[in-house]
C-alpha atoms as a PDB file:
ATOM      1  CA  UNK A   1    -101.344-163.945  50.808  1.00  0.00           C
ATOM      2  CA  UNK A   2    -102.160-162.942  54.353  1.00  0.00           C
ATOM      3  CA  UNK A   3     -99.926-160.226  54.305  1.00  0.00           C
ATOM      4  CA  UNK A   4    -101.442-159.070  51.170  1.00  0.00           C
ATOM      5  CA  UNK A   5    -104.894-158.977  53.044  1.00  0.00           C
ATOM      6  CA  UNK A   6    -103.364-157.270  55.924  1.00  0.00           C
ATOM      7  CA  UNK A   7    -102.040-154.387  53.645  1.00  0.00           C
ATOM      8  CA  UNK A   8    -105.483-154.040  51.837  1.00  0.00           C
ATOM      9  CA  UNK A   9    -107.205-154.108  55.295  1.00  0.00           C
ATOM     10  CA  UNK A  10    -104.989-151.615  56.833  1.00  0.00           C
ATOM     11  CA  UNK A  11    -105.266-149.357  53.900  1.00  0.00           C
ATOM     12  CA  UNK A  12    -109.166-149.590  53.942  1.00  0.00           C
ATOM     13  CA  UNK A  13    -109.310-151.352  50.538  1.00  0.00           C
ATOM     14  CA  UNK A  14    -110.813-155.114  50.338  1.00  0.00           C
ATOM     15  CA  UNK A  15    -110.281-157.303  47.396  1.00  0.00           C
ATOM     16  CA  UNK A  16    -113.341-158.119  45.391  1.00  0.00           C
ATOM     17  CA  UNK A  17    -113.971-161.575  47.047  1.00  0.00           C
ATOM     18  CA  UNK A  18    -117.437-160.754  47.376  1.00  0.00           C
ATOM     19  CA  UNK A  19    -118.841-158.805  50.117  1.00  0.00           C
ATOM     20  CA  UNK A  20    -119.301-161.644  52.658  1.00  0.00           C
ATOM     21  CA  UNK A  21    -115.905-163.022  52.356  1.00  0.00           C
ATOM     22  CA  UNK A  22    -114.244-159.561  52.563  1.00  0.00           C
ATOM     23  CA  UNK A  23    -116.217-159.031  55.702  1.00  0.00           C
ATOM     24  CA  UNK A  24    -115.049-162.112  57.171  1.00  0.00           C
ATOM     25  CA  UNK A  25    -111.151-161.843  56.565  1.00  0.00           C
ATOM     26  CA  UNK A  26    -111.119-157.999  57.865  1.00  0.00           C
ATOM     27  CA  UNK A  27    -113.225-159.103  61.045  1.00  0.00           C
ATOM     28  CA  UNK A  28    -110.861-161.882  61.661  1.00  0.00           C
ATOM     29  CA  UNK A  29    -107.884-160.244  61.274  1.00  0.00           C
ATOM     30  CA  UNK A  30    -108.812-156.696  62.409  1.00  0.00           C
ATOM     31  CA  UNK A  31    -111.970-156.673  64.070  1.00  0.00           C
ATOM     32  CA  UNK A  32    -111.491-152.925  64.754  1.00  0.00           C
ATOM     33  CA  UNK A  33    -111.297-152.009  61.126  1.00  0.00           C
ATOM     34  CA  UNK A  34    -114.192-151.815  58.509  1.00  0.00           C
ATOM     35  CA  UNK A  35    -113.754-150.804  54.907  1.00  0.00           C
ATOM     36  CA  UNK A  36    -116.400-148.434  53.503  1.00  0.00           C
ATOM     37  CA  UNK A  37    -115.889-150.087  49.717  1.00  0.00           C
ATOM     38  CA  UNK A  38    -115.072-152.886  48.071  1.00  0.00           C
ATOM     39  CA  UNK A  39    -112.799-152.704  44.802  1.00  0.00           C
ATOM     40  CA  UNK A  40    -111.004-154.630  42.197  1.00  0.00           C
ATOM     41  CA  UNK A  41    -107.392-153.032  42.967  1.00  0.00           C
ATOM     42  CA  UNK A  42    -106.302-149.532  43.398  1.00  0.00           C
ATOM     43  CA  UNK A  43    -105.005-148.317  40.308  1.00  0.00           C
ATOM     44  CA  UNK A  44    -106.906-149.965  37.242  1.00  0.00           C
ATOM     45  CA  UNK A  45    -110.577-149.091  36.403  1.00  0.00           C
ATOM     46  CA  UNK A  46    -112.893-150.992  38.812  1.00  0.00           C
ATOM     47  CA  UNK A  47    -114.051-153.129  35.975  1.00  0.00           C
ATOM     48  CA  UNK A  48    -110.992-154.696  35.247  1.00  0.00           C
ATOM     49  CA  UNK A  49    -109.831-157.521  37.515  1.00  0.00           C
ATOM     50  CA  UNK A  50    -105.844-158.304  37.466  1.00  0.00           C
ATOM     51  CA  UNK A  51    -105.052-160.448  40.112  1.00  0.00           C
ATOM     52  CA  UNK A  52    -101.193-161.147  41.087  1.00  0.00           C
ATOM     53  CA  UNK A  53    -100.253-158.243  38.793  1.00  0.00           C
ATOM     54  CA  UNK A  54     -96.446-158.323  38.128  1.00  0.00           C
ATOM     55  CA  UNK A  55     -95.271-154.752  37.562  1.00  0.00           C
ATOM     56  CA  UNK A  56     -92.206-154.303  35.209  1.00  0.00           C
ATOM     57  CA  UNK A  57     -90.591-150.970  34.394  1.00  0.00           C
ATOM     58  CA  UNK A  58     -89.337-150.892  30.541  1.00  0.00           C
ATOM     59  CA  UNK A  59     -88.384-147.467  29.159  1.00  0.00           C
ATOM     60  CA  UNK A  60     -90.523-144.699  30.472  1.00  0.00           C
ATOM     61  CA  UNK A  61     -93.286-146.928  30.972  1.00  0.00           C
ATOM     62  CA  UNK A  62     -94.792-149.535  33.851  1.00  0.00           C
ATOM     63  CA  UNK A  63     -96.163-152.571  32.726  1.00  0.00           C
ATOM     64  CA  UNK A  64     -98.403-154.835  34.733  1.00  0.00           C
ATOM     65  CA  UNK A  65     -98.589-158.211  33.460  1.00  0.00           C
ATOM     66  CA  UNK A  66    -101.554-160.492  35.062  1.00  0.00           C
ATOM     67  CA  UNK A  67    -103.831-163.286  34.683  1.00  0.00           C
ATOM     68  CA  UNK A  68    -107.551-162.267  34.233  1.00  0.00           C
ATOM     69  CA  UNK A  69    -110.709-162.700  36.437  1.00  0.00           C
ATOM     70  CA  UNK A  70    -114.048-162.384  34.426  1.00  0.00           C
ATOM     71  CA  UNK A  71    -116.321-160.125  36.498  1.00  0.00           C
ATOM     72  CA  UNK A  72    -119.043-162.016  38.317  1.00  0.00           C
ATOM     73  CA  UNK A  73    -117.163-165.210  37.781  1.00  0.00           C
ATOM     74  CA  UNK A  74    -117.319-168.031  40.786  1.00  0.00           C
ATOM     75  CA  UNK A  75    -113.737-168.725  39.775  1.00  0.00           C
ATOM     76  CA  UNK A  76    -110.269-167.487  39.793  1.00  0.00           C
ATOM     77  CA  UNK A  77    -108.531-166.408  36.379  1.00  0.00           C
ATOM     78  CA  UNK A  78    -109.341-167.569  32.814  1.00  0.00           C
ATOM     79  CA  UNK A  79    -107.426-168.603  29.747  1.00  0.00           C
ATOM     80  CA  UNK A  80    -105.759-165.529  28.864  1.00  0.00           C
ATOM     81  CA  UNK A  81    -102.959-162.922  30.144  1.00  0.00           C
ATOM     82  CA  UNK A  82    -103.513-159.264  29.941  1.00  0.00           C
ATOM     83  CA  UNK A  83    -100.989-156.451  30.016  1.00  0.00           C
ATOM     84  CA  UNK A  84    -101.759-152.540  31.128  1.00  0.00           C
ATOM     85  CA  UNK A  85     -99.181-149.592  30.993  1.00  0.00           C
ATOM     86  CA  UNK A  86     -98.880-146.025  32.282  1.00  0.00           C
ATOM     87  CA  UNK A  87     -95.857-143.528  31.985  1.00  0.00           C
ATOM     88  CA  UNK A  88     -93.959-143.782  34.830  1.00  0.00           C
ATOM     89  CA  UNK A  89     -94.445-140.167  35.701  1.00  0.00           C
ATOM     90  CA  UNK A  90     -98.222-140.482  35.384  1.00  0.00           C
ATOM     91  CA  UNK A  91     -99.495-143.451  37.149  1.00  0.00           C
ATOM     92  CA  UNK A  92    -102.928-142.310  36.602  1.00  0.00           C
ATOM     93  CA  UNK A  93    -102.888-142.761  32.932  1.00  0.00           C
ATOM     94  CA  UNK A  94    -103.237-146.490  32.060  1.00  0.00           C
ATOM     95  CA  UNK A  95    -103.630-148.104  28.847  1.00  0.00           C
ATOM     96  CA  UNK A  96    -104.846-151.586  28.192  1.00  0.00           C
ATOM     97  CA  UNK A  97    -102.811-153.565  25.696  1.00  0.00           C
ATOM     98  CA  UNK A  98    -105.502-156.442  25.604  1.00  0.00           C
ATOM     99  CA  UNK A  99    -105.051-159.900  25.599  1.00  0.00           C
ATOM    100  CA  UNK A 100    -101.402-160.946  25.120  1.00  0.00           C
ATOM    101  CA  UNK A 101    -101.361-164.844  25.696  1.00  0.00           C
ATOM    102  CA  UNK A 102    -104.207-167.537  25.199  1.00  0.00           C
ATOM    103  CA  UNK A 103    -104.542-171.080  26.514  1.00  0.00           C
ATOM    104  CA  UNK A 104    -107.783-171.645  24.851  1.00  0.00           C
ATOM    105  CA  UNK A 105    -109.065-169.800  21.500  1.00  0.00           C
ATOM    106  CA  UNK A 106    -111.777-167.162  21.868  1.00  0.00           C
ATOM    107  CA  UNK A 107    -113.682-165.412  19.319  1.00  0.00           C
ATOM    108  CA  UNK A 108    -110.761-163.040  18.241  1.00  0.00           C
ATOM    109  CA  UNK A 109    -107.494-165.348  18.759  1.00  0.00           C
ATOM    110  CA  UNK A 110    -106.629-169.014  18.594  1.00  0.00           C
ATOM    111  CA  UNK A 111    -104.677-170.382  21.499  1.00  0.00           C
ATOM    112  CA  UNK A 112    -100.982-170.079  21.788  1.00  0.00           C
ATOM    113  CA  UNK A 113    -100.394-173.644  22.996  1.00  0.00           C
ATOM    114  CA  UNK A 114    -101.404-176.557  21.602  1.00  0.00           C
ATOM    115  CA  UNK A 115    -101.414-179.049  24.681  1.00  0.00           C
ATOM    116  CA  UNK A 116    -103.998-177.242  26.881  1.00  0.00           C
ATOM    117  CA  UNK A 117    -107.595-177.304  27.388  1.00  0.00           C
ATOM    118  CA  UNK A 118    -110.609-176.173  29.793  1.00  0.00           C
ATOM    119  CA  UNK A 119    -108.421-177.279  32.703  1.00  0.00           C
ATOM    120  CA  UNK A 120    -105.470-175.127  31.910  1.00  0.00           C
ATOM    121  CA  UNK A 121    -106.125-171.538  33.210  1.00  0.00           C
ATOM    122  CA  UNK A 122    -103.393-169.031  33.132  1.00  0.00           C
ATOM    123  CA  UNK A 123    -102.061-167.586  36.371  1.00  0.00           C
ATOM    124  CA  UNK A 124     -99.613-164.984  37.357  1.00  0.00           C
ATOM    125  CA  UNK A 125     -96.998-164.520  34.587  1.00  0.00           C
ATOM    126  CA  UNK A 126     -94.055-162.593  34.582  1.00  0.00           C
ATOM    127  CA  UNK A 127     -91.917-160.927  31.960  1.00  0.00           C
ATOM    128  CA  UNK A 128     -88.227-159.662  31.656  1.00  0.00           C
ATOM    129  CA  UNK A 129     -86.418-158.084  28.589  1.00  0.00           C
ATOM    130  CA  UNK A 130     -83.105-159.692  27.448  1.00  0.00           C
ATOM    131  CA  UNK A 131     -81.122-158.245  24.012  1.00  0.00           C
ATOM    132  CA  UNK A 132     -83.906-156.251  23.270  1.00  0.00           C
ATOM    133  CA  UNK A 133     -86.628-158.801  23.198  1.00  0.00           C
ATOM    134  CA  UNK A 134     -89.354-159.426  25.771  1.00  0.00           C
ATOM    135  CA  UNK A 135     -89.807-162.975  27.399  1.00  0.00           C
ATOM    136  CA  UNK A 136     -93.183-163.719  28.899  1.00  0.00           C
ATOM    137  CA  UNK A 137     -93.118-166.901  31.563  1.00  0.00           C
ATOM    138  CA  UNK A 138     -96.512-168.052  31.790  1.00  0.00           C
ATOM    139  CA  UNK A 139     -97.726-170.488  34.681  1.00  0.00           C
ATOM    140  CA  UNK A 140    -100.376-172.795  33.502  1.00  0.00           C
ATOM    141  CA  UNK A 141    -102.614-174.624  35.843  1.00  0.00           C
ATOM    142  CA  UNK A 142    -102.122-178.459  35.632  1.00  0.00           C
ATOM    143  CA  UNK A 143     -99.868-178.007  32.744  1.00  0.00           C
ATOM    144  CA  UNK A 144     -96.048-177.590  32.159  1.00  0.00           C
ATOM    145  CA  UNK A 145     -95.628-173.661  31.744  1.00  0.00           C
ATOM    146  CA  UNK A 146     -94.282-172.057  28.618  1.00  0.00           C
ATOM    147  CA  UNK A 147     -92.185-169.071  27.313  1.00  0.00           C
ATOM    148  CA  UNK A 148     -93.286-166.472  24.765  1.00  0.00           C
ATOM    149  CA  UNK A 149     -91.541-163.686  22.941  1.00  0.00           C
ATOM    150  CA  UNK A 150     -92.320-160.379  21.669  1.00  0.00           C
ATOM    151  CA  UNK A 151     -90.237-157.282  20.233  1.00  0.00           C
ATOM    152  CA  UNK A 152     -92.762-155.024  22.352  1.00  0.00           C
ATOM    153  CA  UNK A 153     -93.180-155.225  26.084  1.00  0.00           C
ATOM    154  CA  UNK A 154     -96.716-154.977  25.583  1.00  0.00           C
ATOM    155  CA  UNK A 155     -97.031-158.170  23.454  1.00  0.00           C
ATOM    156  CA  UNK A 156     -98.625-160.056  21.992  1.00  0.00           C
ATOM    157  CA  UNK A 157     -96.310-163.013  22.674  1.00  0.00           C
ATOM    158  CA  UNK A 158     -95.614-165.687  20.545  1.00  0.00           C
ATOM    159  CA  UNK A 159     -95.033-169.154  22.114  1.00  0.00           C
ATOM    160  CA  UNK A 160     -91.279-170.427  21.856  1.00  0.00           C
ATOM    161  CA  UNK A 161     -91.457-173.626  24.109  1.00  0.00           C
ATOM    162  CA  UNK A 162     -92.804-175.334  27.155  1.00  0.00           C
ATOM    163  CA  UNK A 163     -90.452-174.827  30.303  1.00  0.00           C
ATOM    164  CA  UNK A 164     -86.977-176.730  29.908  1.00  0.00           C
ATOM    165  CA  UNK A 165     -85.223-177.724  32.891  1.00  0.00           C
ATOM    166  CA  UNK A 166     -82.338-180.085  34.442  1.00  0.00           C
ATOM    167  CA  UNK A 167     -84.092-181.136  37.557  1.00  0.00           C
ATOM    168  CA  UNK A 168     -85.810-184.029  38.180  1.00  0.00           C
ATOM    169  CA  UNK A 169     -89.937-183.776  37.388  1.00  0.00           C
ATOM    170  CA  UNK A 170     -90.601-184.644  41.464  1.00  0.00           C
ATOM    171  CA  UNK A 171     -88.824-181.726  42.308  1.00  0.00           C
ATOM    172  CA  UNK A 172     -90.130-179.361  39.450  1.00  0.00           C
ATOM    173  CA  UNK A 173     -93.526-180.833  39.691  1.00  0.00           C
ATOM    174  CA  UNK A 174     -93.636-181.802  36.160  1.00  0.00           C
ATOM    175  CA  UNK A 175     -93.080-178.106  35.179  1.00  0.00           C
ATOM    176  CA  UNK A 176     -95.501-176.449  37.467  1.00  0.00           C
ATOM    177  CA  UNK A 177     -93.725-173.311  38.494  1.00  0.00           C
ATOM    178  CA  UNK A 178     -96.366-171.542  40.643  1.00  0.00           C
ATOM    179  CA  UNK A 179     -96.504-167.763  40.033  1.00  0.00           C
ATOM    180  CA  UNK A 180     -93.029-167.604  38.328  1.00  0.00           C
ATOM    181  CA  UNK A 181     -90.587-164.706  39.483  1.00  0.00           C
ATOM    182  CA  UNK A 182     -87.976-164.390  36.524  1.00  0.00           C
ATOM    183  CA  UNK A 183     -84.285-163.049  36.994  1.00  0.00           C
ATOM    184  CA  UNK A 184     -81.780-162.497  34.133  1.00  0.00           C
ATOM    185  CA  UNK A 185     -78.407-162.474  35.823  1.00  0.00           C
ATOM    186  CA  UNK A 186     -75.371-160.519  34.581  1.00  0.00           C
ATOM    187  CA  UNK A 187     -73.901-163.561  32.788  1.00  0.00           C
ATOM    188  CA  UNK A 188     -77.211-163.612  30.776  1.00  0.00           C
ATOM    189  CA  UNK A 189     -78.594-166.684  32.082  1.00  0.00           C
ATOM    190  CA  UNK A 190     -82.327-166.712  32.995  1.00  0.00           C
ATOM    191  CA  UNK A 191     -83.625-168.271  36.317  1.00  0.00           C
ATOM    192  CA  UNK A 192     -87.381-169.122  37.197  1.00  0.00           C
ATOM    193  CA  UNK A 193     -87.893-168.960  40.829  1.00  0.00           C
END
């Protein structure tokens, strides 16, 4: 996290933590640097807030999967995951694929989980391809994470199950895999790290 802040400050880009907090971390880490502006991220529209975006290349497109911060909110992440994509050869042409997974219902979608409530926001996900299908690994605050599947990299993703693992719950924090990274090995086995 500190390294991300340093990289943003060095490039003259500050995350949208609010002007006071952004000024504080820049002044503390790099007193001689001062960014001229505050922006949400360097590649998506400034009105979009996708923290911890996970990039993946499938075919000829780059997909970014992420949790979603509501503009003007006083907390991080809400109850949906989003997907954006762009052609590999034109990273200025981003397309929003909308909400791809939900832990709470909204006016347009039912919840994709039946064990979550207002205390279960979605944080940084990951997506991998295996045998022509796309698997979403979701980190759910205060609950066991889950896996969803789609025939398309942009989703939407349908719930398969909660995380299943063979290690003791105290080691796995009852299935709370924070910001999962997912790896599919050459033998086809999938690992969360």
